[in-house]
Amino acid sequence: RLGLERADTAEKALSVIVDLLEKYGQGGNCMESNMAFTYHNSFLIADRKEAWVLETSGKYWAAEKVEGGVRNISNQLSITTKIDREHPELKEYAKSNGWWDGEKEFDFAATYSYVNTARMTTSGGRYCEGYKLLNKHKGSITPEIMMEILRDKESGINMEGGFMTTGSMVSVLPQQPNLPCIHFFTGTPDPAR
């Protein structure tokens, strides 16, 4: 929210977020009933001209500029070796903890999480299912298709049960500055309603 308030471009919003992250860190509970359950965050940050994916681990972070195609995030780190901006001590911290040898190519998701990055887009989790649905419509994604994807319960994108999807948002950001941006928000916790 502070990125939206304090910046007028996606890259400036990225800078606001990482500056706050480095100064204050992150934390907080993921659910009211389990105070010990926390996790780090991923963000899609976009304006009319560019988009970024920002992923965090404690005060450390990596950012990838989206150059085309489709891109999604979902409850796991997904930035691998294409890192366009990073915390200045990201690699050194990984090296000092024995997570990276400093020799092989640096892979943020593989180094800072337990995810097998070679399987991210082929195994059956939310990230994989979102990736498949976005690629199925690549080149012809409309707001209606995006809403359909966010309502999808079979894929796990619209979660039910112990963890529920609490809201969804679809934004239309025309590149032409004379056209308005349009933002759709769910009014209930379940995007299928």
N, C-alpha and C. Protein backbone atom coordinates (compact mmCIF):
# COMPACT_ATOMS: atom_id res chain seq x y z
N ARG A 1 0.82 -1.20 0.00
CA ARG A 1 0.00 0.00 0.00
C ARG A 1 0.86 1.25 0.00
N LEU A 2 1.97 1.19 0.72
CA LEU A 2 2.83 2.37 0.75
C LEU A 2 3.53 2.57 -0.59
N GLY A 3 3.81 1.49 -1.29
CA GLY A 3 4.37 1.61 -2.64
C GLY A 3 3.41 2.33 -3.56
N LEU A 4 2.13 2.00 -3.47
CA LEU A 4 1.11 2.67 -4.29
C LEU A 4 0.97 4.14 -3.90
N GLU A 5 1.04 4.40 -2.61
CA GLU A 5 0.87 5.77 -2.12
C GLU A 5 2.04 6.67 -2.49
N ARG A 6 3.27 6.13 -2.43
CA ARG A 6 4.46 6.97 -2.51
C ARG A 6 5.15 6.97 -3.87
N ALA A 7 4.69 6.16 -4.80
CA ALA A 7 5.39 6.05 -6.08
C ALA A 7 4.44 6.24 -7.25
N ASP A 8 4.99 6.74 -8.35
CA ASP A 8 4.16 6.92 -9.54
C ASP A 8 4.54 5.98 -10.68
N THR A 9 5.50 5.07 -10.44
CA THR A 9 5.83 4.03 -11.41
C THR A 9 6.02 2.71 -10.67
N ALA A 10 5.98 1.63 -11.41
CA ALA A 10 6.18 0.31 -10.82
C ALA A 10 7.58 0.19 -10.21
N GLU A 11 8.59 0.68 -10.92
CA GLU A 11 9.95 0.55 -10.39
C GLU A 11 10.15 1.40 -9.14
N LYS A 12 9.54 2.57 -9.09
CA LYS A 12 9.63 3.40 -7.88
C LYS A 12 8.90 2.73 -6.72
N ALA A 13 7.77 2.09 -6.98
CA ALA A 13 7.06 1.35 -5.93
C ALA A 13 7.93 0.21 -5.41
N LEU A 14 8.61 -0.47 -6.30
CA LEU A 14 9.55 -1.52 -5.91
C LEU A 14 10.59 -0.94 -4.96
N SER A 15 11.14 0.21 -5.29
CA SER A 15 12.15 0.85 -4.43
C SER A 15 11.58 1.21 -3.07
N VAL A 16 10.36 1.72 -3.03
CA VAL A 16 9.73 2.05 -1.75
C VAL A 16 9.62 0.80 -0.89
N ILE A 17 9.14 -0.28 -1.47
CA ILE A 17 8.93 -1.53 -0.72
C ILE A 17 10.25 -2.07 -0.20
N VAL A 18 11.28 -2.13 -1.05
CA VAL A 18 12.55 -2.72 -0.58
C VAL A 18 13.25 -1.82 0.43
N ASP A 19 13.10 -0.50 0.29
CA ASP A 19 13.68 0.40 1.29
C ASP A 19 13.03 0.17 2.65
N LEU A 20 11.71 0.03 2.68
CA LEU A 20 11.00 -0.24 3.93
C LEU A 20 11.36 -1.62 4.48
N LEU A 21 11.47 -2.59 3.61
CA LEU A 21 11.83 -3.95 4.01
C LEU A 21 13.21 -3.97 4.65
N GLU A 22 14.17 -3.29 4.03
CA GLU A 22 15.53 -3.28 4.57
C GLU A 22 15.60 -2.53 5.90
N LYS A 23 14.78 -1.50 6.05
CA LYS A 23 14.79 -0.70 7.29
C LYS A 23 14.03 -1.38 8.42
N TYR A 24 12.84 -1.94 8.14
CA TYR A 24 11.97 -2.46 9.18
C TYR A 24 11.81 -3.98 9.19
N GLY A 25 12.23 -4.66 8.12
CA GLY A 25 12.01 -6.09 8.03
C GLY A 25 10.55 -6.39 7.72
N GLN A 26 10.17 -7.64 7.89
CA GLN A 26 8.79 -8.02 7.65
C GLN A 26 8.39 -9.05 8.67
N GLY A 27 7.13 -9.29 8.76
CA GLY A 27 6.63 -10.27 9.71
C GLY A 27 5.14 -10.15 9.78
N GLY A 28 4.60 -10.74 10.79
CA GLY A 28 3.16 -10.71 10.95
C GLY A 28 2.59 -12.08 10.74
N ASN A 29 1.43 -12.27 11.27
CA ASN A 29 0.78 -13.57 11.20
C ASN A 29 -0.02 -13.70 9.92
N CYS A 30 -0.08 -14.92 9.43
CA CYS A 30 -0.85 -15.22 8.22
C CYS A 30 -2.29 -15.54 8.55
N MET A 31 -2.57 -15.88 9.78
CA MET A 31 -3.93 -16.18 10.16
C MET A 31 -4.11 -15.88 11.65
N GLU A 32 -5.30 -15.43 12.00
CA GLU A 32 -5.56 -15.02 13.37
C GLU A 32 -5.49 -16.17 14.36
N SER A 33 -5.85 -17.38 13.93
CA SER A 33 -5.92 -18.50 14.86
C SER A 33 -4.57 -19.20 15.06
N ASN A 34 -3.57 -18.90 14.26
CA ASN A 34 -2.27 -19.55 14.41
C ASN A 34 -1.20 -18.47 14.37
N MET A 35 -0.85 -17.96 15.53
CA MET A 35 0.07 -16.83 15.61
C MET A 35 1.50 -17.20 15.19
N ALA A 36 1.83 -18.47 15.16
CA ALA A 36 3.19 -18.87 14.80
C ALA A 36 3.37 -19.07 13.30
N PHE A 37 2.30 -18.98 12.53
CA PHE A 37 2.38 -19.24 11.10
C PHE A 37 2.63 -17.94 10.34
N THR A 38 3.83 -17.80 9.83
CA THR A 38 4.20 -16.62 9.04
C THR A 38 4.88 -17.09 7.76
N TYR A 39 4.94 -16.23 6.77
CA TYR A 39 5.73 -16.53 5.59
C TYR A 39 6.16 -15.23 4.94
N HIS A 40 7.03 -15.35 3.99
CA HIS A 40 7.56 -14.17 3.31
C HIS A 40 6.65 -13.85 2.12
N ASN A 41 6.98 -12.84 1.37
CA ASN A 41 6.00 -12.34 0.41
C ASN A 41 6.51 -12.24 -1.01
N SER A 42 5.56 -12.28 -1.92
CA SER A 42 5.79 -12.04 -3.34
C SER A 42 4.81 -10.96 -3.77
N PHE A 43 5.25 -10.12 -4.68
CA PHE A 43 4.43 -9.02 -5.16
C PHE A 43 4.49 -8.93 -6.67
N LEU A 44 3.36 -8.66 -7.30
CA LEU A 44 3.31 -8.25 -8.70
C LEU A 44 3.11 -6.75 -8.68
N ILE A 45 4.02 -6.01 -9.30
CA ILE A 45 3.95 -4.55 -9.28
C ILE A 45 3.94 -4.10 -10.74
N ALA A 46 2.88 -3.38 -11.14
CA ALA A 46 2.75 -3.01 -12.55
C ALA A 46 2.25 -1.58 -12.69
N ASP A 47 2.66 -0.95 -13.76
CA ASP A 47 2.09 0.32 -14.18
C ASP A 47 1.76 0.19 -15.67
N ARG A 48 1.49 1.26 -16.34
CA ARG A 48 1.11 1.20 -17.76
C ARG A 48 2.26 0.74 -18.66
N LYS A 49 3.50 0.90 -18.21
CA LYS A 49 4.64 0.64 -19.08
C LYS A 49 5.48 -0.57 -18.71
N GLU A 50 5.47 -0.96 -17.44
CA GLU A 50 6.31 -2.08 -17.04
C GLU A 50 5.73 -2.82 -15.85
N ALA A 51 6.27 -4.01 -15.63
CA ALA A 51 5.84 -4.84 -14.50
C ALA A 51 7.06 -5.51 -13.88
N TRP A 52 6.97 -5.72 -12.58
CA TRP A 52 8.03 -6.35 -11.81
C TRP A 52 7.44 -7.42 -10.91
N VAL A 53 8.23 -8.45 -10.64
CA VAL A 53 7.93 -9.41 -9.59
C VAL A 53 8.98 -9.17 -8.52
N LEU A 54 8.52 -8.97 -7.29
CA LEU A 54 9.41 -8.80 -6.14
C LEU A 54 9.15 -9.95 -5.18
N GLU A 55 10.20 -10.62 -4.75
CA GLU A 55 10.05 -11.70 -3.78
C GLU A 55 11.03 -11.48 -2.64
N THR A 56 10.56 -11.81 -1.43
CA THR A 56 11.31 -11.49 -0.23
C THR A 56 11.56 -12.72 0.63
N SER A 57 12.64 -12.65 1.38
CA SER A 57 12.96 -13.66 2.38
C SER A 57 13.64 -12.92 3.53
N GLY A 58 12.88 -12.69 4.60
CA GLY A 58 13.40 -11.82 5.66
C GLY A 58 13.63 -10.44 5.08
N LYS A 59 14.81 -9.86 5.32
CA LYS A 59 15.11 -8.56 4.74
C LYS A 59 15.73 -8.66 3.35
N TYR A 60 15.98 -9.88 2.90
CA TYR A 60 16.61 -10.10 1.60
C TYR A 60 15.54 -10.21 0.51
N TRP A 61 15.90 -9.83 -0.70
CA TRP A 61 14.91 -9.78 -1.76
C TRP A 61 15.58 -9.89 -3.13
N ALA A 62 14.77 -10.27 -4.09
CA ALA A 62 15.18 -10.30 -5.50
C ALA A 62 13.99 -9.78 -6.31
N ALA A 63 14.30 -9.10 -7.41
CA ALA A 63 13.25 -8.56 -8.28
C ALA A 63 13.56 -8.91 -9.73
N GLU A 64 12.51 -9.26 -10.44
CA GLU A 64 12.60 -9.61 -11.86
C GLU A 64 11.70 -8.68 -12.66
N LYS A 65 12.27 -8.04 -13.66
CA LYS A 65 11.46 -7.22 -14.55
C LYS A 65 10.78 -8.16 -15.55
N VAL A 66 9.48 -8.02 -15.69
CA VAL A 66 8.73 -8.88 -16.61
C VAL A 66 8.91 -8.30 -18.01
N GLU A 67 9.47 -9.09 -18.89
CA GLU A 67 9.80 -8.63 -20.24
C GLU A 67 8.77 -9.00 -21.28
N GLY A 68 7.81 -9.82 -20.93
CA GLY A 68 6.79 -10.23 -21.88
C GLY A 68 6.15 -11.53 -21.45
N GLY A 69 5.16 -11.95 -22.20
CA GLY A 69 4.48 -13.21 -21.88
C GLY A 69 3.60 -13.07 -20.67
N VAL A 70 3.50 -14.12 -19.89
CA VAL A 70 2.70 -14.12 -18.68
C VAL A 70 3.60 -14.43 -17.49
N ARG A 71 3.16 -14.00 -16.32
CA ARG A 71 3.94 -14.23 -15.10
C ARG A 71 2.98 -14.33 -13.94
N ASN A 72 3.22 -15.24 -13.03
CA ASN A 72 2.37 -15.37 -11.86
C ASN A 72 3.20 -15.60 -10.61
N ILE A 73 2.56 -15.40 -9.47
CA ILE A 73 3.16 -15.70 -8.18
C ILE A 73 2.12 -16.49 -7.39
N SER A 74 2.58 -17.31 -6.44
CA SER A 74 1.62 -18.04 -5.63
C SER A 74 2.31 -18.82 -4.52
N ASN A 75 2.40 -18.22 -3.36
CA ASN A 75 2.83 -18.90 -2.13
C ASN A 75 4.15 -19.67 -2.24
N GLN A 76 5.04 -19.23 -3.07
CA GLN A 76 6.37 -19.81 -3.13
C GLN A 76 7.25 -18.83 -3.89
N LEU A 77 8.54 -18.93 -3.68
CA LEU A 77 9.46 -18.10 -4.45
C LEU A 77 9.51 -18.63 -5.87
N SER A 78 9.51 -17.73 -6.84
CA SER A 78 9.51 -18.16 -8.24
C SER A 78 10.58 -17.48 -9.08
N ILE A 79 11.28 -16.51 -8.52
CA ILE A 79 12.39 -15.89 -9.26
C ILE A 79 13.57 -16.85 -9.18
N THR A 80 14.05 -17.24 -10.32
CA THR A 80 15.16 -18.20 -10.34
C THR A 80 16.47 -17.47 -10.67
N THR A 81 16.94 -17.54 -11.90
CA THR A 81 18.23 -16.95 -12.25
C THR A 81 18.12 -15.59 -12.93
N LYS A 82 16.93 -15.20 -13.37
CA LYS A 82 16.74 -13.87 -13.98
C LYS A 82 16.43 -12.88 -12.87
N ILE A 83 17.48 -12.25 -12.37
CA ILE A 83 17.35 -11.28 -11.29
C ILE A 83 17.83 -9.94 -11.83
N ASP A 84 16.92 -8.97 -11.85
CA ASP A 84 17.26 -7.66 -12.39
C ASP A 84 17.66 -6.65 -11.33
N ARG A 85 17.17 -6.84 -10.11
CA ARG A 85 17.59 -6.05 -8.96
C ARG A 85 17.61 -6.99 -7.76
N GLU A 86 18.48 -6.70 -6.79
CA GLU A 86 18.58 -7.58 -5.64
C GLU A 86 19.11 -6.82 -4.43
N HIS A 87 18.85 -7.38 -3.25
CA HIS A 87 19.44 -6.85 -2.03
C HIS A 87 20.95 -6.90 -2.19
N PRO A 88 21.67 -5.86 -1.78
CA PRO A 88 23.12 -5.83 -2.00
C PRO A 88 23.89 -6.96 -1.33
N GLU A 89 23.33 -7.57 -0.30
CA GLU A 89 24.03 -8.67 0.39
C GLU A 89 23.36 -10.02 0.15
N LEU A 90 22.47 -10.10 -0.83
CA LEU A 90 21.69 -11.32 -1.07
C LEU A 90 22.58 -12.55 -1.26
N LYS A 91 23.52 -12.45 -2.16
CA LYS A 91 24.37 -13.61 -2.48
C LYS A 91 25.37 -13.89 -1.37
N GLU A 92 25.93 -12.86 -0.77
CA GLU A 92 26.90 -13.05 0.31
C GLU A 92 26.24 -13.72 1.51
N TYR A 93 25.01 -13.32 1.83
CA TYR A 93 24.30 -13.94 2.94
C TYR A 93 24.05 -15.42 2.66
N ALA A 94 23.65 -15.74 1.45
CA ALA A 94 23.43 -17.14 1.07
C ALA A 94 24.73 -17.94 1.16
N LYS A 95 25.79 -17.34 0.71
CA LYS A 95 27.10 -18.00 0.74
C LYS A 95 27.55 -18.24 2.18
N SER A 96 27.38 -17.23 3.05
CA SER A 96 27.81 -17.36 4.45
C SER A 96 27.01 -18.40 5.22
N ASN A 97 25.80 -18.71 4.75
CA ASN A 97 24.98 -19.74 5.39
C ASN A 97 25.15 -21.12 4.76
N GLY A 98 26.00 -21.21 3.75
CA GLY A 98 26.24 -22.50 3.09
C GLY A 98 25.15 -22.92 2.13
N TRP A 99 24.29 -21.97 1.72
CA TRP A 99 23.19 -22.29 0.81
C TRP A 99 23.64 -22.24 -0.64
N TRP A 100 24.72 -21.52 -0.91
CA TRP A 100 25.22 -21.32 -2.28
C TRP A 100 26.74 -21.33 -2.21
N ASP A 101 27.36 -22.01 -3.16
CA ASP A 101 28.81 -22.15 -3.12
C ASP A 101 29.57 -20.98 -3.77
N GLY A 102 28.85 -20.08 -4.40
CA GLY A 102 29.51 -18.95 -5.06
C GLY A 102 30.05 -19.27 -6.43
N GLU A 103 29.94 -20.53 -6.82
CA GLU A 103 30.46 -20.97 -8.12
C GLU A 103 29.36 -21.16 -9.15
N LYS A 104 28.37 -21.96 -8.80
CA LYS A 104 27.30 -22.23 -9.77
C LYS A 104 26.41 -21.00 -9.92
N GLU A 105 25.61 -20.97 -10.99
CA GLU A 105 24.72 -19.84 -11.23
C GLU A 105 23.78 -19.67 -10.05
N PHE A 106 23.58 -18.43 -9.63
CA PHE A 106 22.74 -18.15 -8.47
C PHE A 106 21.27 -18.25 -8.86
N ASP A 107 20.50 -19.03 -8.10
CA ASP A 107 19.08 -19.24 -8.31
C ASP A 107 18.39 -18.85 -7.01
N PHE A 108 17.69 -17.71 -7.01
CA PHE A 108 17.08 -17.20 -5.79
C PHE A 108 16.10 -18.19 -5.16
N ALA A 109 15.15 -18.69 -5.94
CA ALA A 109 14.14 -19.61 -5.39
C ALA A 109 14.78 -20.87 -4.84
N ALA A 110 15.74 -21.43 -5.55
CA ALA A 110 16.38 -22.66 -5.09
C ALA A 110 17.23 -22.41 -3.85
N THR A 111 17.85 -21.24 -3.75
CA THR A 111 18.74 -20.93 -2.65
C THR A 111 17.99 -20.54 -1.38
N TYR A 112 16.93 -19.77 -1.52
CA TYR A 112 16.23 -19.25 -0.36
C TYR A 112 14.96 -20.02 0.00
N SER A 113 14.70 -21.14 -0.65
CA SER A 113 13.53 -21.95 -0.30
C SER A 113 13.86 -23.41 -0.57
N TYR A 114 12.88 -24.25 -0.29
CA TYR A 114 13.04 -25.69 -0.52
C TYR A 114 12.46 -26.14 -1.85
N VAL A 115 12.09 -25.19 -2.69
CA VAL A 115 11.43 -25.52 -3.94
C VAL A 115 12.43 -26.05 -4.96
N ASN A 116 12.07 -27.11 -5.63
CA ASN A 116 12.85 -27.62 -6.76
C ASN A 116 12.43 -26.78 -7.96
N THR A 117 13.24 -25.82 -8.35
CA THR A 117 12.84 -24.87 -9.38
C THR A 117 12.64 -25.53 -10.74
N ALA A 118 13.23 -26.66 -10.97
CA ALA A 118 13.04 -27.36 -12.24
C ALA A 118 11.62 -27.93 -12.34
N ARG A 119 10.94 -28.12 -11.19
CA ARG A 119 9.61 -28.71 -11.19
C ARG A 119 8.49 -27.71 -10.96
N MET A 120 8.82 -26.43 -10.75
CA MET A 120 7.79 -25.44 -10.38
C MET A 120 6.64 -25.38 -11.37
N THR A 121 6.92 -25.45 -12.65
CA THR A 121 5.86 -25.30 -13.65
C THR A 121 5.30 -26.64 -14.11
N THR A 122 5.76 -27.74 -13.52
CA THR A 122 5.25 -29.04 -13.93
C THR A 122 4.57 -29.81 -12.81
N SER A 123 4.80 -29.45 -11.53
CA SER A 123 4.13 -30.16 -10.44
C SER A 123 2.78 -29.51 -10.17
N GLY A 124 1.90 -30.20 -9.46
CA GLY A 124 0.51 -29.77 -9.38
C GLY A 124 0.12 -28.77 -8.33
N GLY A 125 0.93 -27.82 -7.95
CA GLY A 125 0.55 -26.82 -6.96
C GLY A 125 -0.13 -25.61 -7.58
N ARG A 126 -0.49 -24.66 -6.72
CA ARG A 126 -1.18 -23.45 -7.18
C ARG A 126 -0.35 -22.69 -8.21
N TYR A 127 0.95 -22.57 -7.97
CA TYR A 127 1.81 -21.83 -8.91
C TYR A 127 1.75 -22.49 -10.28
N CYS A 128 1.92 -23.79 -10.30
CA CYS A 128 1.91 -24.55 -11.56
C CYS A 128 0.57 -24.42 -12.27
N GLU A 129 -0.51 -24.56 -11.52
CA GLU A 129 -1.84 -24.48 -12.13
C GLU A 129 -2.11 -23.08 -12.67
N GLY A 130 -1.70 -22.05 -11.94
CA GLY A 130 -1.85 -20.68 -12.43
C GLY A 130 -1.04 -20.46 -13.69
N TYR A 131 0.17 -20.99 -13.71
CA TYR A 131 1.06 -20.89 -14.88
C TYR A 131 0.39 -21.53 -16.11
N LYS A 132 -0.19 -22.72 -15.89
CA LYS A 132 -0.86 -23.42 -17.00
C LYS A 132 -2.06 -22.63 -17.52
N LEU A 133 -2.89 -22.13 -16.61
CA LEU A 133 -4.09 -21.39 -17.03
C LEU A 133 -3.72 -20.10 -17.75
N LEU A 134 -2.71 -19.39 -17.26
CA LEU A 134 -2.28 -18.16 -17.93
C LEU A 134 -1.72 -18.47 -19.32
N ASN A 135 -0.91 -19.51 -19.42
CA ASN A 135 -0.32 -19.87 -20.72
C ASN A 135 -1.37 -20.38 -21.71
N LYS A 136 -2.41 -21.00 -21.21
CA LYS A 136 -3.49 -21.46 -22.07
C LYS A 136 -4.14 -20.29 -22.80
N HIS A 137 -4.19 -19.12 -22.16
CA HIS A 137 -4.83 -17.94 -22.73
C HIS A 137 -3.83 -16.87 -23.17
N LYS A 138 -2.55 -17.22 -23.17
CA LYS A 138 -1.49 -16.25 -23.49
C LYS A 138 -1.79 -15.55 -24.82
N GLY A 139 -1.70 -14.23 -24.80
CA GLY A 139 -1.96 -13.44 -26.00
C GLY A 139 -3.40 -13.00 -26.15
N SER A 140 -4.30 -13.58 -25.35
CA SER A 140 -5.72 -13.20 -25.47
C SER A 140 -6.39 -13.09 -24.10
N ILE A 141 -5.63 -12.69 -23.11
CA ILE A 141 -6.18 -12.57 -21.76
C ILE A 141 -6.99 -11.29 -21.66
N THR A 142 -8.23 -11.44 -21.27
CA THR A 142 -9.15 -10.32 -21.05
C THR A 142 -9.44 -10.25 -19.55
N PRO A 143 -10.06 -9.17 -19.09
CA PRO A 143 -10.46 -9.14 -17.68
C PRO A 143 -11.37 -10.31 -17.31
N GLU A 144 -12.26 -10.68 -18.21
CA GLU A 144 -13.18 -11.79 -17.94
C GLU A 144 -12.42 -13.11 -17.78
N ILE A 145 -11.42 -13.35 -18.62
CA ILE A 145 -10.62 -14.58 -18.51
C ILE A 145 -9.83 -14.56 -17.20
N MET A 146 -9.28 -13.40 -16.85
CA MET A 146 -8.52 -13.30 -15.60
C MET A 146 -9.43 -13.59 -14.40
N MET A 147 -10.65 -13.08 -14.45
CA MET A 147 -11.60 -13.35 -13.36
C MET A 147 -11.94 -14.84 -13.29
N GLU A 148 -12.09 -15.45 -14.45
CA GLU A 148 -12.37 -16.89 -14.51
C GLU A 148 -11.21 -17.68 -13.88
N ILE A 149 -9.99 -17.30 -14.19
CA ILE A 149 -8.82 -17.97 -13.62
C ILE A 149 -8.81 -17.81 -12.10
N LEU A 150 -9.07 -16.60 -11.60
CA LEU A 150 -9.04 -16.35 -10.16
C LEU A 150 -10.18 -17.03 -9.42
N ARG A 151 -11.26 -17.39 -10.13
CA ARG A 151 -12.39 -18.11 -9.52
C ARG A 151 -12.16 -19.63 -9.49
N ASP A 152 -11.15 -20.11 -10.19
CA ASP A 152 -10.96 -21.54 -10.40
C ASP A 152 -10.63 -22.26 -9.08
N LYS A 153 -11.53 -23.13 -8.65
CA LYS A 153 -11.33 -23.88 -7.41
C LYS A 153 -10.58 -25.19 -7.65
N GLU A 154 -10.80 -25.81 -8.79
CA GLU A 154 -10.15 -27.09 -9.09
C GLU A 154 -8.63 -26.97 -9.05
N SER A 155 -8.10 -25.85 -9.52
CA SER A 155 -6.65 -25.63 -9.57
C SER A 155 -6.08 -25.28 -8.21
N GLY A 156 -6.94 -24.88 -7.28
CA GLY A 156 -6.46 -24.43 -5.98
C GLY A 156 -6.19 -22.93 -5.95
N ILE A 157 -6.37 -22.24 -7.07
CA ILE A 157 -6.15 -20.80 -7.08
C ILE A 157 -7.17 -20.12 -6.18
N ASN A 158 -8.43 -20.51 -6.29
CA ASN A 158 -9.47 -20.04 -5.37
C ASN A 158 -9.58 -21.09 -4.28
N MET A 159 -8.92 -20.84 -3.16
CA MET A 159 -8.79 -21.85 -2.12
C MET A 159 -10.01 -21.90 -1.21
N GLU A 160 -10.33 -23.14 -0.78
CA GLU A 160 -11.41 -23.39 0.18
C GLU A 160 -10.85 -24.22 1.32
N GLY A 161 -11.57 -24.24 2.42
CA GLY A 161 -11.14 -25.08 3.53
C GLY A 161 -10.40 -24.29 4.59
N GLY A 162 -9.33 -24.89 5.14
CA GLY A 162 -8.56 -24.26 6.21
C GLY A 162 -7.99 -22.91 5.82
N PHE A 163 -7.51 -22.83 4.62
CA PHE A 163 -7.05 -21.56 4.07
C PHE A 163 -8.01 -21.17 2.96
N MET A 164 -8.52 -19.99 3.04
CA MET A 164 -9.46 -19.55 2.01
C MET A 164 -8.91 -18.33 1.29
N THR A 165 -9.18 -18.24 0.02
CA THR A 165 -8.85 -17.02 -0.71
C THR A 165 -9.67 -15.90 -0.09
N THR A 166 -9.00 -14.82 0.25
CA THR A 166 -9.70 -13.73 0.95
C THR A 166 -10.09 -12.60 0.02
N GLY A 167 -9.61 -12.59 -1.18
CA GLY A 167 -9.98 -11.55 -2.13
C GLY A 167 -9.15 -11.65 -3.39
N SER A 168 -9.65 -11.10 -4.45
CA SER A 168 -8.93 -11.08 -5.72
C SER A 168 -9.10 -9.71 -6.37
N MET A 169 -8.16 -9.39 -7.23
CA MET A 169 -8.18 -8.10 -7.92
C MET A 169 -7.71 -8.31 -9.36
N VAL A 170 -8.39 -7.67 -10.28
CA VAL A 170 -8.00 -7.66 -11.69
C VAL A 170 -7.88 -6.20 -12.11
N SER A 171 -6.75 -5.85 -12.71
CA SER A 171 -6.54 -4.47 -13.16
C SER A 171 -6.32 -4.44 -14.66
N VAL A 172 -6.89 -3.44 -15.29
CA VAL A 172 -6.67 -3.17 -16.71
C VAL A 172 -5.88 -1.87 -16.77
N LEU A 173 -4.65 -1.95 -17.29
CA LEU A 173 -3.75 -0.80 -17.34
C LEU A 173 -3.39 -0.50 -18.79
N PRO A 174 -4.22 0.26 -19.50
CA PRO A 174 -3.92 0.55 -20.90
C PRO A 174 -2.61 1.35 -21.02
N GLN A 175 -1.85 1.07 -22.05
CA GLN A 175 -0.60 1.81 -22.26
C GLN A 175 -0.85 3.24 -22.69
N GLN A 176 -2.01 3.49 -23.30
CA GLN A 176 -2.33 4.85 -23.73
C GLN A 176 -2.74 5.68 -22.51
N PRO A 177 -2.01 6.78 -22.24
CA PRO A 177 -2.29 7.56 -21.03
C PRO A 177 -3.65 8.25 -21.01
N ASN A 178 -4.30 8.39 -22.16
CA ASN A 178 -5.62 9.04 -22.18
C ASN A 178 -6.75 8.08 -21.80
N LEU A 179 -6.46 6.78 -21.71
CA LEU A 179 -7.49 5.80 -21.31
C LEU A 179 -7.39 5.55 -19.81
N PRO A 180 -8.53 5.38 -19.15
CA PRO A 180 -8.49 5.17 -17.69
C PRO A 180 -8.05 3.76 -17.33
N CYS A 181 -7.41 3.64 -16.18
CA CYS A 181 -7.13 2.32 -15.60
C CYS A 181 -8.39 1.87 -14.88
N ILE A 182 -8.66 0.58 -14.94
CA ILE A 182 -9.86 0.03 -14.31
C ILE A 182 -9.43 -1.09 -13.37
N HIS A 183 -9.98 -1.09 -12.17
CA HIS A 183 -9.62 -2.10 -11.17
C HIS A 183 -10.89 -2.77 -10.65
N PHE A 184 -10.90 -4.09 -10.69
CA PHE A 184 -12.03 -4.87 -10.20
C PHE A 184 -11.58 -5.59 -8.93
N PHE A 185 -12.37 -5.48 -7.86
CA PHE A 185 -12.08 -6.15 -6.60
C PHE A 185 -13.25 -7.04 -6.22
N THR A 186 -12.95 -8.15 -5.57
CA THR A 186 -14.04 -8.98 -5.06
C THR A 186 -14.65 -8.30 -3.85
N GLY A 187 -15.94 -8.49 -3.68
CA GLY A 187 -16.64 -7.91 -2.55
C GLY A 187 -16.84 -8.90 -1.42
N THR A 188 -16.47 -10.15 -1.65
CA THR A 188 -16.62 -11.20 -0.64
C THR A 188 -15.32 -11.99 -0.59
N PRO A 189 -15.10 -12.80 0.44
CA PRO A 189 -13.87 -13.58 0.50
C PRO A 189 -13.72 -14.60 -0.65
N ASP A 190 -14.81 -15.08 -1.19
CA ASP A 190 -14.75 -16.09 -2.24
C ASP A 190 -14.91 -15.45 -3.61
N PRO A 191 -13.84 -15.40 -4.45
CA PRO A 191 -13.95 -14.77 -5.77
C PRO A 191 -14.95 -15.45 -6.70
N ALA A 192 -15.44 -16.64 -6.36
CA ALA A 192 -16.43 -17.30 -7.20
C ALA A 192 -17.83 -16.68 -7.01
N ARG A 193 -18.01 -15.88 -5.98
CA ARG A 193 -19.32 -15.26 -5.74
C ARG A 193 -19.47 -13.98 -6.51
